[in-house]
Amino acid sequence: MSQSEKVLATFQTRVRQMILQFQELKKENKELYDIIGQNEQQIKELKARLEQQERDYETLKMAKMMEITSGDLQGAKDRLAKMIRSVNSCIAVLSDEK
């Protein structure tokens, strides 16, 4: 083999190695893009879940506030009923005195 044939054979070998390396990198690149796509989908799902949880939390807060208000309302109704009974008994006592 002459010197130029050796150089040409070495060149061909290196080109084949570069082609193989390119194919491996291309495959790795595709795998990485697939992983990125999966991660983006997961992020989207988690954001939607977070938004739903925030809405649920706000609804729960609102319900809790209404429950407290309802409890206060019932307490106020009870106090008012007690005052009305007291006024009625006072009116009855005053009516009996006349």
PDB file of N, CA and C in Angstrom:
ATOM      1  N   MET A   1       0.834  -1.175   0.000  1.00  0.00           N
ATOM      2  CA  MET A   1       0.000   0.000   0.000  1.00  0.00           C
ATOM      3  C   MET A   1       0.881   1.241   0.000  1.00  0.00           C
ATOM      4  N   SER A   2       0.502   2.121  -0.849  1.00  0.00           N
ATOM      5  CA  SER A   2       1.297   3.347  -0.913  1.00  0.00           C
ATOM      6  C   SER A   2       0.854   4.305   0.192  1.00  0.00           C
ATOM      7  N   GLN A   3       1.643   5.316   0.344  1.00  0.00           N
ATOM      8  CA  GLN A   3       1.379   6.311   1.399  1.00  0.00           C
ATOM      9  C   GLN A   3       0.018   6.975   1.189  1.00  0.00           C
ATOM     10  N   SER A   4      -0.315   7.327  -0.033  1.00  0.00           N
ATOM     11  CA  SER A   4      -1.593   7.998  -0.303  1.00  0.00           C
ATOM     12  C   SER A   4      -2.775   7.058  -0.048  1.00  0.00           C
ATOM     13  N   GLU A   5      -2.590   5.738  -0.313  1.00  0.00           N
ATOM     14  CA  GLU A   5      -3.658   4.778  -0.030  1.00  0.00           C
ATOM     15  C   GLU A   5      -3.877   4.627   1.470  1.00  0.00           C
ATOM     16  N   LYS A   6      -2.798   4.658   2.226  1.00  0.00           N
ATOM     17  CA  LYS A   6      -2.908   4.593   3.688  1.00  0.00           C
ATOM     18  C   LYS A   6      -3.633   5.820   4.221  1.00  0.00           C
ATOM     19  N   VAL A   7      -3.280   6.980   3.706  1.00  0.00           N
ATOM     20  CA  VAL A   7      -3.923   8.225   4.135  1.00  0.00           C
ATOM     21  C   VAL A   7      -5.415   8.185   3.781  1.00  0.00           C
ATOM     22  N   LEU A   8      -5.722   7.689   2.571  1.00  0.00           N
ATOM     23  CA  LEU A   8      -7.108   7.593   2.126  1.00  0.00           C
ATOM     24  C   LEU A   8      -7.882   6.606   2.999  1.00  0.00           C
ATOM     25  N   ALA A   9      -7.283   5.473   3.350  1.00  0.00           N
ATOM     26  CA  ALA A   9      -7.939   4.471   4.206  1.00  0.00           C
ATOM     27  C   ALA A   9      -8.189   5.049   5.599  1.00  0.00           C
ATOM     28  N   THR A  10      -7.214   5.764   6.123  1.00  0.00           N
ATOM     29  CA  THR A  10      -7.369   6.406   7.433  1.00  0.00           C
ATOM     30  C   THR A  10      -8.487   7.437   7.378  1.00  0.00           C
ATOM     31  N   PHE A  11      -8.514   8.195   6.309  1.00  0.00           N
ATOM     32  CA  PHE A  11      -9.554   9.209   6.134  1.00  0.00           C
ATOM     33  C   PHE A  11     -10.944   8.562   6.079  1.00  0.00           C
ATOM     34  N   GLN A  12     -11.057   7.460   5.318  1.00  0.00           N
ATOM     35  CA  GLN A  12     -12.338   6.760   5.220  1.00  0.00           C
ATOM     36  C   GLN A  12     -12.776   6.215   6.582  1.00  0.00           C
ATOM     37  N   THR A  13     -11.828   5.667   7.312  1.00  0.00           N
ATOM     38  CA  THR A  13     -12.130   5.139   8.644  1.00  0.00           C
ATOM     39  C   THR A  13     -12.635   6.244   9.563  1.00  0.00           C
ATOM     40  N   ARG A  14     -11.955   7.365   9.535  1.00  0.00           N
ATOM     41  CA  ARG A  14     -12.371   8.490  10.386  1.00  0.00           C
ATOM     42  C   ARG A  14     -13.742   9.034   9.975  1.00  0.00           C
ATOM     43  N   VAL A  15     -14.013   9.069   8.684  1.00  0.00           N
ATOM     44  CA  VAL A  15     -15.324   9.538   8.202  1.00  0.00           C
ATOM     45  C   VAL A  15     -16.415   8.590   8.689  1.00  0.00           C
ATOM     46  N   ARG A  16     -16.157   7.265   8.610  1.00  0.00           N
ATOM     47  CA  ARG A  16     -17.137   6.282   9.106  1.00  0.00           C
ATOM     48  C   ARG A  16     -17.362   6.469  10.610  1.00  0.00           C
ATOM     49  N   GLN A  17     -16.286   6.688  11.350  1.00  0.00           N
ATOM     50  CA  GLN A  17     -16.407   6.924  12.786  1.00  0.00           C
ATOM     51  C   GLN A  17     -17.232   8.177  13.062  1.00  0.00           C
ATOM     52  N   MET A  18     -17.003   9.213  12.286  1.00  0.00           N
ATOM     53  CA  MET A  18     -17.764  10.452  12.466  1.00  0.00           C
ATOM     54  C   MET A  18     -19.240  10.231  12.147  1.00  0.00           C
ATOM     55  N   ILE A  19     -19.520   9.441  11.102  1.00  0.00           N
ATOM     56  CA  ILE A  19     -20.907   9.144  10.743  1.00  0.00           C
ATOM     57  C   ILE A  19     -21.583   8.368  11.865  1.00  0.00           C
ATOM     58  N   LEU A  20     -20.886   7.374  12.412  1.00  0.00           N
ATOM     59  CA  LEU A  20     -21.447   6.593  13.523  1.00  0.00           C
ATOM     60  C   LEU A  20     -21.680   7.480  14.754  1.00  0.00           C
ATOM     61  N   GLN A  21     -20.707   8.330  15.034  1.00  0.00           N
ATOM     62  CA  GLN A  21     -20.843   9.233  16.172  1.00  0.00           C
ATOM     63  C   GLN A  21     -22.004  10.201  15.943  1.00  0.00           C
ATOM     64  N   PHE A  22     -22.156  10.685  14.708  1.00  0.00           N
ATOM     65  CA  PHE A  22     -23.270  11.574  14.373  1.00  0.00           C
ATOM     66  C   PHE A  22     -24.603  10.862  14.592  1.00  0.00           C
ATOM     67  N   GLN A  23     -24.697   9.607  14.166  1.00  0.00           N
ATOM     68  CA  GLN A  23     -25.936   8.855  14.345  1.00  0.00           C
ATOM     69  C   GLN A  23     -26.258   8.647  15.825  1.00  0.00           C
ATOM     70  N   GLU A  24     -25.239   8.364  16.616  1.00  0.00           N
ATOM     71  CA  GLU A  24     -25.432   8.213  18.061  1.00  0.00           C
ATOM     72  C   GLU A  24     -25.899   9.525  18.687  1.00  0.00           C
ATOM     73  N   LEU A  25     -25.270  10.619  18.287  1.00  0.00           N
ATOM     74  CA  LEU A  25     -25.670  11.921  18.819  1.00  0.00           C
ATOM     75  C   LEU A  25     -27.085  12.286  18.385  1.00  0.00           C
ATOM     76  N   LYS A  26     -27.429  11.932  17.154  1.00  0.00           N
ATOM     77  CA  LYS A  26     -28.773  12.191  16.652  1.00  0.00           C
ATOM     78  C   LYS A  26     -29.805  11.413  17.473  1.00  0.00           C
ATOM     79  N   LYS A  27     -29.488  10.150  17.781  1.00  0.00           N
ATOM     80  CA  LYS A  27     -30.371   9.311  18.599  1.00  0.00           C
ATOM     81  C   LYS A  27     -30.499   9.893  20.012  1.00  0.00           C
ATOM     82  N   GLU A  28     -29.387  10.280  20.600  1.00  0.00           N
ATOM     83  CA  GLU A  28     -29.388  10.873  21.940  1.00  0.00           C
ATOM     84  C   GLU A  28     -30.197  12.171  21.945  1.00  0.00           C
ATOM     85  N   ASN A  29     -30.046  12.984  20.906  1.00  0.00           N
ATOM     86  CA  ASN A  29     -30.773  14.240  20.794  1.00  0.00           C
ATOM     87  C   ASN A  29     -32.278  13.982  20.762  1.00  0.00           C
ATOM     88  N   LYS A  30     -32.707  12.967  20.002  1.00  0.00           N
ATOM     89  CA  LYS A  30     -34.124  12.617  19.931  1.00  0.00           C
ATOM     90  C   LYS A  30     -34.637  12.185  21.300  1.00  0.00           C
ATOM     91  N   GLU A  31     -33.854  11.361  21.999  1.00  0.00           N
ATOM     92  CA  GLU A  31     -34.246  10.909  23.333  1.00  0.00           C
ATOM     93  C   GLU A  31     -34.391  12.093  24.288  1.00  0.00           C
ATOM     94  N   LEU A  32     -33.458  13.033  24.201  1.00  0.00           N
ATOM     95  CA  LEU A  32     -33.517  14.203  25.078  1.00  0.00           C
ATOM     96  C   LEU A  32     -34.738  15.071  24.759  1.00  0.00           C
ATOM     97  N   TYR A  33     -35.053  15.241  23.476  1.00  0.00           N
ATOM     98  CA  TYR A  33     -36.250  15.992  23.101  1.00  0.00           C
ATOM     99  C   TYR A  33     -37.511  15.289  23.599  1.00  0.00           C
ATOM    100  N   ASP A  34     -37.523  13.951  23.550  1.00  0.00           N
ATOM    101  CA  ASP A  34     -38.664  13.195  24.085  1.00  0.00           C
ATOM    102  C   ASP A  34     -38.815  13.444  25.586  1.00  0.00           C
ATOM    103  N   ILE A  35     -37.706  13.444  26.306  1.00  0.00           N
ATOM    104  CA  ILE A  35     -37.738  13.697  27.752  1.00  0.00           C
ATOM    105  C   ILE A  35     -38.242  15.107  28.020  1.00  0.00           C
ATOM    106  N   ILE A  36     -37.771  16.068  27.238  1.00  0.00           N
ATOM    107  CA  ILE A  36     -38.233  17.457  27.406  1.00  0.00           C
ATOM    108  C   ILE A  36     -39.732  17.533  27.171  1.00  0.00           C
ATOM    109  N   GLY A  37     -40.228  16.843  26.140  1.00  0.00           N
ATOM    110  CA  GLY A  37     -41.668  16.833  25.858  1.00  0.00           C
ATOM    111  C   GLY A  37     -42.458  16.246  27.014  1.00  0.00           C
ATOM    112  N   GLN A  38     -41.958  15.153  27.577  1.00  0.00           N
ATOM    113  CA  GLN A  38     -42.622  14.533  28.721  1.00  0.00           C
ATOM    114  C   GLN A  38     -42.623  15.479  29.921  1.00  0.00           C
ATOM    115  N   ASN A  39     -41.489  16.142  30.158  1.00  0.00           N
ATOM    116  CA  ASN A  39     -41.402  17.075  31.279  1.00  0.00           C
ATOM    117  C   ASN A  39     -42.349  18.258  31.097  1.00  0.00           C
ATOM    118  N   GLU A  40     -42.439  18.760  29.874  1.00  0.00           N
ATOM    119  CA  GLU A  40     -43.357  19.874  29.613  1.00  0.00           C
ATOM    120  C   GLU A  40     -44.798  19.447  29.839  1.00  0.00           C
ATOM    121  N   GLN A  41     -45.136  18.228  29.426  1.00  0.00           N
ATOM    122  CA  GLN A  41     -46.493  17.715  29.647  1.00  0.00           C
ATOM    123  C   GLN A  41     -46.763  17.576  31.141  1.00  0.00           C
ATOM    124  N   GLN A  42     -45.787  17.077  31.868  1.00  0.00           N
ATOM    125  CA  GLN A  42     -45.940  16.914  33.313  1.00  0.00           C
ATOM    126  C   GLN A  42     -46.097  18.274  33.985  1.00  0.00           C
ATOM    127  N   ILE A  43     -45.333  19.260  33.547  1.00  0.00           N
ATOM    128  CA  ILE A  43     -45.444  20.610  34.100  1.00  0.00           C
ATOM    129  C   ILE A  43     -46.840  21.163  33.841  1.00  0.00           C
ATOM    130  N   LYS A  44     -47.337  20.957  32.626  1.00  0.00           N
ATOM    131  CA  LYS A  44     -48.676  21.439  32.274  1.00  0.00           C
ATOM    132  C   LYS A  44     -49.732  20.789  33.176  1.00  0.00           C
ATOM    133  N   GLU A  45     -49.613  19.477  33.380  1.00  0.00           N
ATOM    134  CA  GLU A  45     -50.563  18.764  34.237  1.00  0.00           C
ATOM    135  C   GLU A  45     -50.470  19.257  35.679  1.00  0.00           C
ATOM    136  N   LEU A  46     -49.260  19.474  36.169  1.00  0.00           N
ATOM    137  CA  LEU A  46     -49.083  19.944  37.538  1.00  0.00           C
ATOM    138  C   LEU A  46     -49.618  21.360  37.717  1.00  0.00           C
ATOM    139  N   LYS A  47     -49.447  22.206  36.699  1.00  0.00           N
ATOM    140  CA  LYS A  47     -49.996  23.561  36.774  1.00  0.00           C
ATOM    141  C   LYS A  47     -51.517  23.511  36.829  1.00  0.00           C
ATOM    142  N   ALA A  48     -52.115  22.657  36.007  1.00  0.00           N
ATOM    143  CA  ALA A  48     -53.574  22.521  36.016  1.00  0.00           C
ATOM    144  C   ALA A  48     -54.045  22.001  37.374  1.00  0.00           C
ATOM    145  N   ARG A  49     -53.309  21.058  37.914  1.00  0.00           N
ATOM    146  CA  ARG A  49     -53.663  20.507  39.235  1.00  0.00           C
ATOM    147  C   ARG A  49     -53.530  21.568  40.321  1.00  0.00           C
ATOM    148  N   LEU A  50     -52.480  22.373  40.240  1.00  0.00           N
ATOM    149  CA  LEU A  50     -52.280  23.447  41.203  1.00  0.00           C
ATOM    150  C   LEU A  50     -53.412  24.463  41.123  1.00  0.00           C
ATOM    151  N   GLU A  51     -53.804  24.831  39.903  1.00  0.00           N
ATOM    152  CA  GLU A  51     -54.906  25.777  39.747  1.00  0.00           C
ATOM    153  C   GLU A  51     -56.196  25.216  40.330  1.00  0.00           C
ATOM    154  N   GLN A  52     -56.445  23.921  40.114  1.00  0.00           N
ATOM    155  CA  GLN A  52     -57.639  23.289  40.672  1.00  0.00           C
ATOM    156  C   GLN A  52     -57.579  23.286  42.195  1.00  0.00           C
ATOM    157  N   GLN A  53     -56.412  22.994  42.743  1.00  0.00           N
ATOM    158  CA  GLN A  53     -56.254  22.991  44.198  1.00  0.00           C
ATOM    159  C   GLN A  53     -56.472  24.392  44.771  1.00  0.00           C
ATOM    160  N   GLU A  54     -55.978  25.412  44.065  1.00  0.00           N
ATOM    161  CA  GLU A  54     -56.178  26.780  44.528  1.00  0.00           C
ATOM    162  C   GLU A  54     -57.663  27.142  44.500  1.00  0.00           C
ATOM    163  N   ARG A  55     -58.379  26.725  43.441  1.00  0.00           N
ATOM    164  CA  ARG A  55     -59.823  26.983  43.380  1.00  0.00           C
ATOM    165  C   ARG A  55     -60.544  26.251  44.506  1.00  0.00           C
ATOM    166  N   ASP A  56     -60.154  24.998  44.750  1.00  0.00           N
ATOM    167  CA  ASP A  56     -60.765  24.231  45.838  1.00  0.00           C
ATOM    168  C   ASP A  56     -60.509  24.901  47.182  1.00  0.00           C
ATOM    169  N   TYR A  57     -59.293  25.405  47.371  1.00  0.00           N
ATOM    170  CA  TYR A  57     -58.944  26.072  48.620  1.00  0.00           C
ATOM    171  C   TYR A  57     -59.794  27.330  48.820  1.00  0.00           C
ATOM    172  N   GLU A  58     -59.937  28.111  47.745  1.00  0.00           N
ATOM    173  CA  GLU A  58     -60.751  29.330  47.840  1.00  0.00           C
ATOM    174  C   GLU A  58     -62.200  28.980  48.157  1.00  0.00           C
ATOM    175  N   THR A  59     -62.702  27.924  47.535  1.00  0.00           N
ATOM    176  CA  THR A  59     -64.072  27.483  47.811  1.00  0.00           C
ATOM    177  C   THR A  59     -64.208  27.043  49.256  1.00  0.00           C
ATOM    178  N   LEU A  60     -63.231  26.314  49.739  1.00  0.00           N
ATOM    179  CA  LEU A  60     -63.256  25.858  51.130  1.00  0.00           C
ATOM    180  C   LEU A  60     -63.195  27.040  52.089  1.00  0.00           C
ATOM    181  N   LYS A  61     -62.337  28.017  51.765  1.00  0.00           N
ATOM    182  CA  LYS A  61     -62.261  29.217  52.608  1.00  0.00           C
ATOM    183  C   LYS A  61     -63.607  29.918  52.651  1.00  0.00           C
ATOM    184  N   MET A  62     -64.241  30.055  51.494  1.00  0.00           N
ATOM    185  CA  MET A  62     -65.537  30.718  51.411  1.00  0.00           C
ATOM    186  C   MET A  62     -66.579  29.954  52.233  1.00  0.00           C
ATOM    187  N   ALA A  63     -66.575  28.624  52.108  1.00  0.00           N
ATOM    188  CA  ALA A  63     -67.521  27.806  52.863  1.00  0.00           C
ATOM    189  C   ALA A  63     -67.281  27.946  54.361  1.00  0.00           C
ATOM    190  N   LYS A  64     -66.029  27.979  54.754  1.00  0.00           N
ATOM    191  CA  LYS A  64     -65.694  28.119  56.182  1.00  0.00           C
ATOM    192  C   LYS A  64     -66.157  29.477  56.697  1.00  0.00           C
ATOM    193  N   MET A  65     -65.955  30.519  55.876  1.00  0.00           N
ATOM    194  CA  MET A  65     -66.397  31.852  56.294  1.00  0.00           C
ATOM    195  C   MET A  65     -67.920  31.884  56.425  1.00  0.00           C
ATOM    196  N   MET A  66     -68.610  31.236  55.503  1.00  0.00           N
ATOM    197  CA  MET A  66     -70.070  31.201  55.568  1.00  0.00           C
ATOM    198  C   MET A  66     -70.530  30.409  56.779  1.00  0.00           C
ATOM    199  N   GLU A  67     -69.806  29.344  57.111  1.00  0.00           N
ATOM    200  CA  GLU A  67     -70.155  28.539  58.279  1.00  0.00           C
ATOM    201  C   GLU A  67     -70.021  29.367  59.549  1.00  0.00           C
ATOM    202  N   ILE A  68     -68.935  30.115  59.643  1.00  0.00           N
ATOM    203  CA  ILE A  68     -68.735  30.976  60.816  1.00  0.00           C
ATOM    204  C   ILE A  68     -69.825  32.032  60.865  1.00  0.00           C
ATOM    205  N   THR A  69     -70.121  32.639  59.732  1.00  0.00           N
ATOM    206  CA  THR A  69     -71.160  33.660  59.676  1.00  0.00           C
ATOM    207  C   THR A  69     -72.503  33.062  60.041  1.00  0.00           C
ATOM    208  N   SER A  70     -72.789  31.852  59.552  1.00  0.00           N
ATOM    209  CA  SER A  70     -74.042  31.196  59.886  1.00  0.00           C
ATOM    210  C   SER A  70     -74.120  30.918  61.381  1.00  0.00           C
ATOM    211  N   GLY A  71     -73.022  30.518  61.973  1.00  0.00           N
ATOM    212  CA  GLY A  71     -72.986  30.275  63.415  1.00  0.00           C
ATOM    213  C   GLY A  71     -73.252  31.559  64.175  1.00  0.00           C
ATOM    214  N   ASP A  72     -72.653  32.653  63.752  1.00  0.00           N
ATOM    215  CA  ASP A  72     -72.897  33.948  64.374  1.00  0.00           C
ATOM    216  C   ASP A  72     -74.333  34.383  64.164  1.00  0.00           C
ATOM    217  N   LEU A  73     -74.851  34.098  62.992  1.00  0.00           N
ATOM    218  CA  LEU A  73     -76.231  34.451  62.682  1.00  0.00           C
ATOM    219  C   LEU A  73     -77.177  33.689  63.588  1.00  0.00           C
ATOM    220  N   GLN A  74     -76.909  32.417  63.790  1.00  0.00           N
ATOM    221  CA  GLN A  74     -77.754  31.620  64.673  1.00  0.00           C
ATOM    222  C   GLN A  74     -77.646  32.122  66.104  1.00  0.00           C
ATOM    223  N   GLY A  75     -76.448  32.467  66.520  1.00  0.00           N
ATOM    224  CA  GLY A  75     -76.268  33.022  67.862  1.00  0.00           C
ATOM    225  C   GLY A  75     -77.020  34.337  68.020  1.00  0.00           C
ATOM    226  N   ALA A  76     -76.949  35.179  66.994  1.00  0.00           N
ATOM    227  CA  ALA A  76     -77.670  36.450  67.030  1.00  0.00           C
ATOM    228  C   ALA A  76     -79.170  36.209  67.083  1.00  0.00           C
ATOM    229  N   LYS A  77     -79.660  35.239  66.294  1.00  0.00           N
ATOM    230  CA  LYS A  77     -81.093  34.912  66.326  1.00  0.00           C
ATOM    231  C   LYS A  77     -81.507  34.434  67.711  1.00  0.00           C
ATOM    232  N   ASP A  78     -80.673  33.604  68.328  1.00  0.00           N
ATOM    233  CA  ASP A  78     -80.982  33.100  69.674  1.00  0.00           C
ATOM    234  C   ASP A  78     -81.027  34.241  70.687  1.00  0.00           C
ATOM    235  N   ARG A  79     -80.050  35.161  70.616  1.00  0.00           N
ATOM    236  CA  ARG A  79     -80.042  36.301  71.549  1.00  0.00           C
ATOM    237  C   ARG A  79     -81.260  37.195  71.337  1.00  0.00           C
ATOM    238  N   LEU A  80     -81.614  37.413  70.069  1.00  0.00           N
ATOM    239  CA  LEU A  80     -82.771  38.233  69.751  1.00  0.00           C
ATOM    240  C   LEU A  80     -84.055  37.578  70.259  1.00  0.00           C
ATOM    241  N   ALA A  81     -84.173  36.266  70.086  1.00  0.00           N
ATOM    242  CA  ALA A  81     -85.357  35.545  70.585  1.00  0.00           C
ATOM    243  C   ALA A  81     -85.438  35.651  72.100  1.00  0.00           C
ATOM    244  N   LYS A  82     -84.272  35.561  72.765  1.00  0.00           N
ATOM    245  CA  LYS A  82     -84.246  35.682  74.233  1.00  0.00           C
ATOM    246  C   LYS A  82     -84.679  37.077  74.654  1.00  0.00           C
ATOM    247  N   MET A  83     -84.196  38.109  73.928  1.00  0.00           N
ATOM    248  CA  MET A  83     -84.598  39.487  74.255  1.00  0.00           C
ATOM    249  C   MET A  83     -86.095  39.682  74.023  1.00  0.00           C
ATOM    250  N   ILE A  84     -86.635  39.118  72.955  1.00  0.00           N
ATOM    251  CA  ILE A  84     -88.063  39.247  72.672  1.00  0.00           C
ATOM    252  C   ILE A  84     -88.880  38.585  73.777  1.00  0.00           C
ATOM    253  N   ARG A  85     -88.446  37.413  74.229  1.00  0.00           N
ATOM    254  CA  ARG A  85     -89.152  36.750  75.341  1.00  0.00           C
ATOM    255  C   ARG A  85     -89.095  37.592  76.600  1.00  0.00           C
ATOM    256  N   SER A  86     -87.928  38.202  76.834  1.00  0.00           N
ATOM    257  CA  SER A  86     -87.775  39.056  78.007  1.00  0.00           C
ATOM    258  C   SER A  86     -88.685  40.273  77.910  1.00  0.00           C
ATOM    259  N   VAL A  87     -88.744  40.899  76.737  1.00  0.00           N
ATOM    260  CA  VAL A  87     -89.623  42.060  76.543  1.00  0.00           C
ATOM    261  C   VAL A  87     -91.077  41.642  76.698  1.00  0.00           C
ATOM    262  N   ASN A  88     -91.439  40.488  76.122  1.00  0.00           N
ATOM    263  CA  ASN A  88     -92.812  40.006  76.249  1.00  0.00           C
ATOM    264  C   ASN A  88     -93.177  39.745  77.703  1.00  0.00           C
ATOM    265  N   SER A  89     -92.248  39.176  78.459  1.00  0.00           N
ATOM    266  CA  SER A  89     -92.551  38.936  79.876  1.00  0.00           C
ATOM    267  C   SER A  89     -92.671  40.252  80.635  1.00  0.00           C
ATOM    268  N   CYS A  90     -91.829  41.248  80.263  1.00  0.00           N
ATOM    269  CA  CYS A  90     -91.943  42.568  80.899  1.00  0.00           C
ATOM    270  C   CYS A  90     -93.289  43.207  80.558  1.00  0.00           C
ATOM    271  N   ILE A  91     -93.715  43.074  79.303  1.00  0.00           N
ATOM    272  CA  ILE A  91     -95.011  43.635  78.888  1.00  0.00           C
ATOM    273  C   ILE A  91     -96.130  42.912  79.640  1.00  0.00           C
ATOM    274  N   ALA A  92     -95.976  41.598  79.788  1.00  0.00           N
ATOM    275  CA  ALA A  92     -97.018  40.856  80.522  1.00  0.00           C
ATOM    276  C   ALA A  92     -97.083  41.296  81.969  1.00  0.00           C
ATOM    277  N   VAL A  93     -95.928  41.515  82.609  1.00  0.00           N
ATOM    278  CA  VAL A  93     -95.900  41.980  83.992  1.00  0.00           C
ATOM    279  C   VAL A  93     -96.526  43.354  84.089  1.00  0.00           C
ATOM    280  N   LEU A  94     -96.191  44.257  83.185  1.00  0.00           N
ATOM    281  CA  LEU A  94     -96.750  45.588  83.214  1.00  0.00           C
ATOM    282  C   LEU A  94     -98.272  45.567  82.932  1.00  0.00           C
ATOM    283  N   SER A  95     -98.690  44.678  82.065  1.00  0.00           N
ATOM    284  CA  SER A  95    -100.125  44.563  81.773  1.00  0.00           C
ATOM    285  C   SER A  95    -100.885  44.060  82.982  1.00  0.00           C
ATOM    286  N   ASP A  96    -100.301  43.164  83.740  1.00  0.00           N
ATOM    287  CA  ASP A  96    -100.927  42.624  84.942  1.00  0.00           C
ATOM    288  C   ASP A  96    -101.023  43.687  86.028  1.00  0.00           C
ATOM    289  N   GLU A  97    -100.086  44.615  86.082  1.00  0.00           N
ATOM    290  CA  GLU A  97    -100.082  45.650  87.099  1.00  0.00           C
ATOM    291  C   GLU A  97    -101.181  46.673  86.843  1.00  0.00           C
ATOM    292  N   LYS A  98    -101.603  46.850  85.623  1.00  0.00           N
ATOM    293  CA  LYS A  98    -102.620  47.842  85.320  1.00  0.00           C
ATOM    294  C   LYS A  98    -103.917  47.340  85.713  1.00  0.00           C
TER     295      LYS A  98
END
